[in-house]
Amino acid sequence: MKKLLLIRHAKASHETGYTNDFERPLTPSGIKDAGIMAQRLHSKGVIPQVLISSPALRTLSTANVLAEHLSLPAPILVNEIFDAGTKALFNIVENLPDEYDFIGLIGHNPAISDVIFHLTGKTENMDPGSVVFIEFEIESWKMVSEGNGEFLWYTTPKELD
């Protein structure tokens, strides 16, 4: 069995002055929200073995907050997550390392929302900082296919416990 947390980066700054989209940082509320989500995951006992993240500043910052709060190793960076469309992100999921049965993947919309539908058939518009928990009755990530994931739950930083 494989388990996947799909995580959209927390709220990022839209201020001007950054040379490109890749360098946009989290807002103070985004940093706070990432901590809230980490605490929620911890309280539910939903802690992945590893985090895999886009290297963009806002996703990496989200991943670092989660890693710190959940006592996880530094996130593994996958450059292709940054610009990934639905098909590319789906391919990344199919090629996740089999040594891990439970992975948290931090990325960007619209690909994160689209891949949720692709994997589970459930439509979920991922707000910044939100998390979807998916389970697969498979032995290898290569066995991931359209619709074979079970949507377990969705949570957002604004949701009350």
C-alpha atoms as a PDB file:
ATOM      1  CA  MET A   1       0.000   0.000   0.000  1.00  0.00           C
ATOM      2  CA  LYS A   2       1.205   3.508  -0.883  1.00  0.00           C
ATOM      3  CA  LYS A   3       0.010   6.780   0.644  1.00  0.00           C
ATOM      4  CA  LEU A   4       0.362  10.278  -0.783  1.00  0.00           C
ATOM      5  CA  LEU A   5      -0.166  13.726   0.657  1.00  0.00           C
ATOM      6  CA  LEU A   6      -0.610  16.269  -2.116  1.00  0.00           C
ATOM      7  CA  ILE A   7       0.153  19.691  -0.660  1.00  0.00           C
ATOM      8  CA  ARG A   8      -0.226  23.068  -2.297  1.00  0.00           C
ATOM      9  CA  HIS A   9       2.327  25.609  -1.122  1.00  0.00           C
ATOM     10  CA  ALA A  10       1.077  28.068   1.478  1.00  0.00           C
ATOM     11  CA  LYS A  11       0.075  31.655   0.649  1.00  0.00           C
ATOM     12  CA  ALA A  12       2.780  33.451  -1.304  1.00  0.00           C
ATOM     13  CA  SER A  13       3.494  37.122  -1.776  1.00  0.00           C
ATOM     14  CA  HIS A  14       2.134  38.881  -4.851  1.00  0.00           C
ATOM     15  CA  GLU A  15       4.176  42.028  -4.262  1.00  0.00           C
ATOM     16  CA  THR A  16       6.152  43.401  -7.156  1.00  0.00           C
ATOM     17  CA  GLY A  17       9.921  43.525  -7.021  1.00  0.00           C
ATOM     18  CA  TYR A  18      10.742  39.851  -7.375  1.00  0.00           C
ATOM     19  CA  THR A  19      12.703  39.133 -10.521  1.00  0.00           C
ATOM     20  CA  ASN A  20      10.560  36.115 -11.334  1.00  0.00           C
ATOM     21  CA  ASP A  21       7.723  33.884 -10.112  1.00  0.00           C
ATOM     22  CA  PHE A  22      10.206  31.273  -8.869  1.00  0.00           C
ATOM     23  CA  GLU A  23      11.485  33.640  -6.157  1.00  0.00           C
ATOM     24  CA  ARG A  24       8.150  34.622  -4.575  1.00  0.00           C
ATOM     25  CA  PRO A  25       8.319  34.046  -0.794  1.00  0.00           C
ATOM     26  CA  LEU A  26       5.585  32.997   1.595  1.00  0.00           C
ATOM     27  CA  THR A  27       3.654  35.757   3.312  1.00  0.00           C
ATOM     28  CA  PRO A  28       3.730  35.859   7.124  1.00  0.00           C
ATOM     29  CA  SER A  29       0.246  34.303   7.101  1.00  0.00           C
ATOM     30  CA  GLY A  30       1.531  31.625   4.700  1.00  0.00           C
ATOM     31  CA  ILE A  31       4.299  30.701   7.141  1.00  0.00           C
ATOM     32  CA  LYS A  32       1.750  30.557   9.960  1.00  0.00           C
ATOM     33  CA  ASP A  33      -0.638  28.436   7.848  1.00  0.00           C
ATOM     34  CA  ALA A  34       2.128  25.935   6.993  1.00  0.00           C
ATOM     35  CA  GLY A  35       2.740  25.536  10.733  1.00  0.00           C
ATOM     36  CA  ILE A  36      -0.994  25.023  11.348  1.00  0.00           C
ATOM     37  CA  MET A  37      -1.092  22.315   8.691  1.00  0.00           C
ATOM     38  CA  ALA A  38       1.978  20.596  10.151  1.00  0.00           C
ATOM     39  CA  GLN A  39       0.353  20.579  13.593  1.00  0.00           C
ATOM     40  CA  ARG A  40      -2.867  19.200  12.120  1.00  0.00           C
ATOM     41  CA  LEU A  41      -1.020  16.407  10.311  1.00  0.00           C
ATOM     42  CA  HIS A  42       0.898  15.590  13.486  1.00  0.00           C
ATOM     43  CA  SER A  43      -2.272  15.497  15.594  1.00  0.00           C
ATOM     44  CA  LYS A  44      -3.897  13.104  13.099  1.00  0.00           C
ATOM     45  CA  GLY A  45      -0.779  10.913  13.033  1.00  0.00           C
ATOM     46  CA  VAL A  46      -0.474  11.524   9.285  1.00  0.00           C
ATOM     47  CA  ILE A  47       3.264  11.921   8.875  1.00  0.00           C
ATOM     48  CA  PRO A  48       4.955  11.002   5.600  1.00  0.00           C
ATOM     49  CA  GLN A  49       8.381   9.382   5.505  1.00  0.00           C
ATOM     50  CA  VAL A  50       9.717  12.039   3.166  1.00  0.00           C
ATOM     51  CA  LEU A  51       8.731  15.312   1.515  1.00  0.00           C
ATOM     52  CA  ILE A  52       9.318  15.945  -2.178  1.00  0.00           C
ATOM     53  CA  SER A  53       9.050  19.563  -3.264  1.00  0.00           C
ATOM     54  CA  SER A  54       9.306  21.979  -6.113  1.00  0.00           C
ATOM     55  CA  PRO A  55      12.445  24.083  -5.587  1.00  0.00           C
ATOM     56  CA  ALA A  56      10.520  27.373  -5.958  1.00  0.00           C
ATOM     57  CA  LEU A  57      10.983  29.491  -2.834  1.00  0.00           C
ATOM     58  CA  ARG A  58       7.319  29.323  -1.737  1.00  0.00           C
ATOM     59  CA  THR A  59       7.087  25.525  -2.057  1.00  0.00           C
ATOM     60  CA  LEU A  60      10.485  24.905  -0.507  1.00  0.00           C
ATOM     61  CA  SER A  61       9.595  27.216   2.402  1.00  0.00           C
ATOM     62  CA  THR A  62       6.317  25.325   2.914  1.00  0.00           C
ATOM     63  CA  ALA A  63       8.208  22.019   2.805  1.00  0.00           C
ATOM     64  CA  ASN A  64      10.805  23.273   5.290  1.00  0.00           C
ATOM     65  CA  VAL A  65       8.130  24.334   7.803  1.00  0.00           C
ATOM     66  CA  LEU A  66       6.454  20.925   7.484  1.00  0.00           C
ATOM     67  CA  ALA A  67       9.774  19.080   7.788  1.00  0.00           C
ATOM     68  CA  GLU A  68      10.739  21.038  10.892  1.00  0.00           C
ATOM     69  CA  HIS A  69       7.400  20.543  12.671  1.00  0.00           C
ATOM     70  CA  LEU A  70       7.135  16.855  11.704  1.00  0.00           C
ATOM     71  CA  SER A  71      10.820  16.037  12.426  1.00  0.00           C
ATOM     72  CA  LEU A  72      11.426  14.935   8.834  1.00  0.00           C
ATOM     73  CA  PRO A  73      14.659  15.100   6.849  1.00  0.00           C
ATOM     74  CA  ALA A  74      15.252  17.986   4.458  1.00  0.00           C
ATOM     75  CA  PRO A  75      12.875  17.846   1.473  1.00  0.00           C
ATOM     76  CA  ILE A  76      13.976  16.221  -1.760  1.00  0.00           C
ATOM     77  CA  LEU A  77      13.809  18.813  -4.551  1.00  0.00           C
ATOM     78  CA  VAL A  78      12.433  17.887  -7.967  1.00  0.00           C
ATOM     79  CA  ASN A  79      12.871  20.721 -10.460  1.00  0.00           C
ATOM     80  CA  GLU A  80      10.137  19.431 -12.787  1.00  0.00           C
ATOM     81  CA  ILE A  81       7.400  20.033 -10.185  1.00  0.00           C
ATOM     82  CA  PHE A  82       7.687  23.822 -10.628  1.00  0.00           C
ATOM     83  CA  ASP A  83       6.353  24.019 -14.188  1.00  0.00           C
ATOM     84  CA  ALA A  84       4.539  20.693 -14.207  1.00  0.00           C
ATOM     85  CA  GLY A  85       1.231  20.398 -15.958  1.00  0.00           C
ATOM     86  CA  THR A  86      -1.169  17.592 -15.081  1.00  0.00           C
ATOM     87  CA  LYS A  87       0.522  14.920 -17.192  1.00  0.00           C
ATOM     88  CA  ALA A  88       4.023  15.826 -15.999  1.00  0.00           C
ATOM     89  CA  LEU A  89       2.970  15.834 -12.326  1.00  0.00           C
ATOM     90  CA  PHE A  90       1.172  12.506 -12.808  1.00  0.00           C
ATOM     91  CA  ASN A  91       4.416  11.104 -14.281  1.00  0.00           C
ATOM     92  CA  ILE A  92       6.332  12.399 -11.255  1.00  0.00           C
ATOM     93  CA  VAL A  93       3.905  10.529  -8.956  1.00  0.00           C
ATOM     94  CA  GLU A  94       4.327   7.345 -11.044  1.00  0.00           C
ATOM     95  CA  ASN A  95       8.090   7.612 -10.631  1.00  0.00           C
ATOM     96  CA  LEU A  96       8.254   8.304  -6.902  1.00  0.00           C
ATOM     97  CA  PRO A  97      10.885   6.203  -5.123  1.00  0.00           C
ATOM     98  CA  ASP A  98       9.464   2.814  -4.060  1.00  0.00           C
ATOM     99  CA  GLU A  99      11.611   2.804  -0.927  1.00  0.00           C
ATOM    100  CA  TYR A 100       8.958   5.139   0.532  1.00  0.00           C
ATOM    101  CA  ASP A 101       5.394   3.986   1.165  1.00  0.00           C
ATOM    102  CA  PHE A 102       4.180   7.400   2.366  1.00  0.00           C
ATOM    103  CA  ILE A 103       5.267  10.571   0.555  1.00  0.00           C
ATOM    104  CA  GLY A 104       4.274  14.215   0.861  1.00  0.00           C
ATOM    105  CA  LEU A 105       4.523  16.092  -2.456  1.00  0.00           C
ATOM    106  CA  ILE A 106       4.482  19.901  -2.322  1.00  0.00           C
ATOM    107  CA  GLY A 107       3.637  21.681  -5.558  1.00  0.00           C
ATOM    108  CA  HIS A 108       1.588  24.278  -7.405  1.00  0.00           C
ATOM    109  CA  ASN A 109      -1.884  24.760  -8.801  1.00  0.00           C
ATOM    110  CA  PRO A 110      -3.497  24.039 -11.192  1.00  0.00           C
ATOM    111  CA  ALA A 111      -1.498  20.799 -11.533  1.00  0.00           C
ATOM    112  CA  ILE A 112      -2.051  19.692  -7.909  1.00  0.00           C
ATOM    113  CA  SER A 113      -5.852  20.065  -8.205  1.00  0.00           C
ATOM    114  CA  ASP A 114      -5.887  18.379 -11.614  1.00  0.00           C
ATOM    115  CA  VAL A 115      -3.805  15.415 -10.442  1.00  0.00           C
ATOM    116  CA  ILE A 116      -6.171  14.840  -7.513  1.00  0.00           C
ATOM    117  CA  PHE A 117      -8.996  14.425 -10.020  1.00  0.00           C
ATOM    118  CA  HIS A 118      -6.798  12.238 -12.233  1.00  0.00           C
ATOM    119  CA  LEU A 119      -5.866   9.954  -9.320  1.00  0.00           C
ATOM    120  CA  THR A 120      -9.200   9.792  -7.473  1.00  0.00           C
ATOM    121  CA  GLY A 121     -11.984  11.144  -9.695  1.00  0.00           C
ATOM    122  CA  LYS A 122     -12.725  13.718  -6.979  1.00  0.00           C
ATOM    123  CA  THR A 123     -12.679  17.436  -7.760  1.00  0.00           C
ATOM    124  CA  GLU A 124     -10.917  19.580  -5.187  1.00  0.00           C
ATOM    125  CA  ASN A 125      -9.692  23.122  -5.803  1.00  0.00           C
ATOM    126  CA  MET A 126      -6.586  23.316  -3.653  1.00  0.00           C
ATOM    127  CA  ASP A 127      -6.442  26.525  -1.652  1.00  0.00           C
ATOM    128  CA  PRO A 128      -2.961  27.706  -0.617  1.00  0.00           C
ATOM    129  CA  GLY A 129      -1.586  25.468   2.131  1.00  0.00           C
ATOM    130  CA  SER A 130      -4.242  22.779   1.733  1.00  0.00           C
ATOM    131  CA  VAL A 131      -3.597  19.049   1.851  1.00  0.00           C
ATOM    132  CA  VAL A 132      -5.246  15.999   0.286  1.00  0.00           C
ATOM    133  CA  PHE A 133      -4.571  12.514   1.628  1.00  0.00           C
ATOM    134  CA  ILE A 134      -4.765   9.692  -0.938  1.00  0.00           C
ATOM    135  CA  GLU A 135      -4.217   5.950  -0.485  1.00  0.00           C
ATOM    136  CA  PHE A 136      -3.402   3.380  -3.165  1.00  0.00           C
ATOM    137  CA  GLU A 137      -3.777  -0.412  -2.991  1.00  0.00           C
ATOM    138  CA  ILE A 138      -0.533  -0.935  -4.909  1.00  0.00           C
ATOM    139  CA  GLU A 139       2.972  -2.229  -4.194  1.00  0.00           C
ATOM    140  CA  SER A 140       4.885   0.161  -6.459  1.00  0.00           C
ATOM    141  CA  TRP A 141       4.393   3.799  -7.425  1.00  0.00           C
ATOM    142  CA  LYS A 142       4.712   2.637 -11.052  1.00  0.00           C
ATOM    143  CA  MET A 143       1.299   0.976 -10.592  1.00  0.00           C
ATOM    144  CA  VAL A 144      -0.435   4.328 -10.045  1.00  0.00           C
ATOM    145  CA  SER A 145      -3.070   4.805 -12.708  1.00  0.00           C
ATOM    146  CA  GLU A 146      -5.992   7.047 -13.401  1.00  0.00           C
ATOM    147  CA  GLY A 147      -8.670   6.588 -10.752  1.00  0.00           C
ATOM    148  CA  ASN A 148      -6.907   3.995  -8.601  1.00  0.00           C
ATOM    149  CA  GLY A 149      -6.349   6.310  -5.636  1.00  0.00           C
ATOM    150  CA  GLU A 150      -8.776   6.510  -2.737  1.00  0.00           C
ATOM    151  CA  PHE A 151      -9.473  10.078  -1.603  1.00  0.00           C
ATOM    152  CA  LEU A 152      -9.323   9.928   2.210  1.00  0.00           C
ATOM    153  CA  TRP A 153      -9.620  13.596   3.198  1.00  0.00           C
ATOM    154  CA  TYR A 154      -8.968  17.233   2.404  1.00  0.00           C
ATOM    155  CA  THR A 155      -8.029  19.947   4.849  1.00  0.00           C
ATOM    156  CA  THR A 156      -7.136  23.603   4.586  1.00  0.00           C
ATOM    157  CA  PRO A 157      -5.440  25.977   7.058  1.00  0.00           C
ATOM    158  CA  LYS A 158      -8.690  27.931   7.444  1.00  0.00           C
ATOM    159  CA  GLU A 159     -10.627  24.816   8.559  1.00  0.00           C
ATOM    160  CA  LEU A 160     -11.274  24.521  12.276  1.00  0.00           C
ATOM    161  CA  ASP A 161     -10.178  21.322  14.010  1.00  0.00           C
END
